[in-house]
């Protein structure tokens, strides 16, 4: 019975360490999707000259959750509420922070972009999208470095903590 308990402790702590390390992988994947969404936005707004609501709908169809949900929420809010777009963008961006692995750095960049969305001519809007993509790519590089550094650390830490608990309780 002791061995069963020891195995369960080791399994649980290992899973916890692995789960925590996966947050780094999720963040990296979501950042790549976010950058992809801005490339789509650039093509649809600047080159195809589509309205924002239609652009967000197209983007939401091409992404996975939680970013799919983010862009779909923007579409839904734009249909129901007639208000300033930057208010809707900021509200949904705050919601994105709660449901995604993205961190405050990415959210700040998104909010800054949201204040410029729809306020400029096409050429200036293209520059804003390109600038946002550049910022997000820099954040992605940092996220990749963090994943390399900390992902294995948390996995091993979970295993070692489990071994420590088993030894302590035996």
Protein backbone atom coordinates (compact mmCIF):
# COMPACT_ATOMS: atom_id res chain seq x y z
CA UNK A 1 0.00 0.00 0.00
CA UNK A 2 2.93 2.30 0.73
CA UNK A 3 4.28 1.76 -2.77
CA UNK A 4 0.94 2.58 -4.31
CA UNK A 5 0.81 5.86 -2.37
CA UNK A 6 4.41 6.63 -3.29
CA UNK A 7 3.66 6.04 -6.97
CA UNK A 8 0.58 8.26 -6.78
CA UNK A 9 2.55 11.09 -5.15
CA UNK A 10 5.28 10.79 -7.75
CA UNK A 11 2.74 10.67 -10.56
CA UNK A 12 0.83 13.72 -9.30
CA UNK A 13 3.88 15.90 -8.76
CA UNK A 14 5.31 14.87 -12.13
CA UNK A 15 2.02 15.74 -13.82
CA UNK A 16 1.93 19.10 -12.04
CA UNK A 17 5.47 19.93 -13.20
CA UNK A 18 4.67 18.85 -16.75
CA UNK A 19 1.43 20.85 -16.75
CA UNK A 20 3.24 23.99 -15.59
CA UNK A 21 5.95 23.54 -18.22
CA UNK A 22 3.29 23.21 -20.93
CA UNK A 23 2.17 26.79 -20.25
CA UNK A 24 5.37 27.96 -21.93
CA UNK A 25 4.60 25.86 -25.01
CA UNK A 26 1.01 27.12 -25.13
CA UNK A 27 2.16 30.72 -24.86
CA UNK A 28 4.59 30.25 -27.74
CA UNK A 29 1.91 28.60 -29.91
CA UNK A 30 -0.62 31.33 -29.14
CA UNK A 31 1.91 34.05 -29.95
CA UNK A 32 2.55 32.45 -33.33
CA UNK A 33 -1.20 32.35 -33.97
CA UNK A 34 -1.50 35.99 -32.92
CA UNK A 35 1.23 37.03 -35.35
CA UNK A 36 -0.49 34.98 -38.07
CA UNK A 37 -3.76 36.76 -37.30
CA UNK A 38 -2.10 40.15 -37.77
CA UNK A 39 -0.74 39.05 -41.15
CA UNK A 40 -4.27 38.08 -42.15
CA UNK A 41 -5.57 41.38 -40.80
CA UNK A 42 -3.02 43.28 -42.85
CA UNK A 43 -3.99 41.45 -46.03
CA UNK A 44 -7.72 41.79 -45.49
CA UNK A 45 -7.81 45.42 -44.33
CA UNK A 46 -5.09 46.99 -46.43
CA UNK A 47 -5.09 44.94 -49.62
CA UNK A 48 -8.68 43.64 -49.84
CA UNK A 49 -10.14 46.68 -48.03
CA UNK A 50 -12.62 44.61 -46.04
CA UNK A 51 -14.49 46.09 -43.08
CA UNK A 52 -13.16 45.23 -39.62
CA UNK A 53 -16.09 43.04 -38.64
CA UNK A 54 -15.71 40.88 -41.73
CA UNK A 55 -11.94 40.76 -41.24
CA UNK A 56 -12.32 39.56 -37.65
CA UNK A 57 -14.78 36.91 -38.80
CA UNK A 58 -12.32 35.63 -41.41
CA UNK A 59 -9.52 35.56 -38.82
CA UNK A 60 -11.65 33.69 -36.28
CA UNK A 61 -12.36 30.95 -38.83
CA UNK A 62 -8.63 30.35 -39.36
CA UNK A 63 -7.49 30.16 -35.73
CA UNK A 64 -7.86 27.77 -32.81
CA UNK A 65 -9.11 28.63 -29.33
CA UNK A 66 -8.61 30.91 -27.41
CA UNK A 67 -7.77 33.34 -30.23
CA UNK A 68 -10.66 32.06 -32.32
CA UNK A 69 -12.95 32.88 -29.42
CA UNK A 70 -11.30 36.31 -29.03
CA UNK A 71 -11.91 37.36 -32.63
CA UNK A 72 -15.40 35.86 -32.66
CA UNK A 73 -16.22 37.83 -29.51
CA UNK A 74 -15.06 40.99 -31.27
CA UNK A 75 -17.42 40.21 -34.16
CA UNK A 76 -20.31 39.54 -31.78
CA UNK A 77 -19.69 42.70 -29.77
CA UNK A 78 -19.50 44.80 -32.92
CA UNK A 79 -22.88 43.42 -34.02
CA UNK A 80 -24.66 44.10 -30.75
CA UNK A 81 -23.05 47.22 -29.31
CA UNK A 82 -22.56 50.43 -31.21
CA UNK A 83 -19.68 52.10 -29.42
CA UNK A 84 -16.06 53.00 -29.86
CA UNK A 85 -14.06 50.09 -31.30
CA UNK A 86 -11.17 50.69 -28.91
CA UNK A 87 -13.50 50.09 -25.93
CA UNK A 88 -14.66 46.76 -27.37
CA UNK A 89 -11.07 45.81 -28.25
CA UNK A 90 -9.82 46.60 -24.75
CA UNK A 91 -12.65 44.68 -23.07
CA UNK A 92 -12.11 41.57 -25.19
CA UNK A 93 -8.34 41.84 -24.78
CA UNK A 94 -8.80 41.80 -20.99
CA UNK A 95 -10.94 38.68 -21.42
CA UNK A 96 -8.20 37.12 -23.58
CA UNK A 97 -5.73 37.53 -20.72
CA UNK A 98 -8.01 35.39 -18.55
CA UNK A 99 -8.55 32.54 -21.02
CA UNK A 100 -5.15 32.25 -22.70
CA UNK A 101 -1.52 31.59 -21.87
CA UNK A 102 -0.60 35.06 -23.09
CA UNK A 103 1.01 37.38 -20.58
CA UNK A 104 0.75 41.08 -19.83
CA UNK A 105 3.42 42.07 -22.36
CA UNK A 106 1.36 40.73 -25.25
CA UNK A 107 -1.83 42.22 -23.85
CA UNK A 108 -0.21 45.67 -23.59
CA UNK A 109 0.87 45.47 -27.25
CA UNK A 110 -2.66 44.40 -28.25
CA UNK A 111 -4.25 47.24 -26.29
CA UNK A 112 -1.90 49.80 -27.85
CA UNK A 113 -2.80 48.49 -31.28
CA UNK A 114 -6.51 48.59 -30.43
CA UNK A 115 -6.33 52.32 -29.79
CA UNK A 116 -5.11 52.89 -33.36
CA UNK A 117 -7.37 50.39 -35.12
CA UNK A 118 -9.69 52.04 -37.61
CA UNK A 119 -8.46 55.58 -36.88
CA UNK A 120 -5.96 55.90 -39.72
CA UNK A 121 -5.83 55.72 -43.49
CA UNK A 122 -4.87 52.40 -45.06
CA UNK A 123 -1.16 53.15 -45.40
CA UNK A 124 -0.85 54.32 -41.80
CA UNK A 125 -2.93 51.33 -40.64
CA UNK A 126 -0.54 49.03 -42.52
CA UNK A 127 2.36 50.65 -40.66
CA UNK A 128 0.59 50.11 -37.32
CA UNK A 129 -0.05 46.44 -38.11
CA UNK A 130 3.57 45.96 -39.20
CA UNK A 131 4.82 47.63 -36.02
CA UNK A 132 2.59 45.40 -33.89
CA UNK A 133 3.85 42.30 -35.71
CA UNK A 134 7.43 43.42 -35.01
CA UNK A 135 6.70 43.83 -31.30
CA UNK A 136 4.98 40.46 -31.14
CA UNK A 137 7.88 38.76 -32.94
CA UNK A 138 10.29 40.20 -30.36
CA UNK A 139 8.06 38.91 -27.56
CA UNK A 140 7.90 35.52 -29.33
CA UNK A 141 11.70 35.31 -29.36
CA UNK A 142 11.75 36.00 -25.61
CA UNK A 143 9.02 33.41 -25.05
CA UNK A 144 11.00 30.81 -26.99
CA UNK A 145 14.05 31.50 -24.85
CA UNK A 146 11.96 31.22 -21.68
CA UNK A 147 10.48 27.94 -22.87
CA UNK A 148 13.91 26.50 -23.56
CA UNK A 149 15.14 27.64 -20.18
CA UNK A 150 12.20 26.84 -17.90
CA UNK A 151 10.16 24.08 -19.54
CA UNK A 152 12.53 21.25 -18.71
CA UNK A 153 13.22 22.83 -15.33
CA UNK A 154 9.59 22.61 -14.21
CA UNK A 155 9.20 19.08 -15.52
CA UNK A 156 12.28 17.91 -13.62
CA UNK A 157 11.31 19.94 -10.56
CA UNK A 158 7.96 18.13 -10.42
CA UNK A 159 9.68 14.75 -10.56
CA UNK A 160 12.31 15.66 -7.97
CA UNK A 161 9.72 17.16 -5.63
CA UNK A 162 7.73 13.93 -5.89
CA UNK A 163 10.82 11.86 -5.08
CA UNK A 164 11.57 14.16 -2.14
CA UNK A 165 8.03 13.74 -0.77
CA UNK A 166 8.17 9.96 -1.17
CA UNK A 167 11.50 9.78 0.67
CA UNK A 168 10.23 12.14 3.36
CA UNK A 169 7.05 10.15 3.95
CA UNK A 170 8.65 6.68 3.86
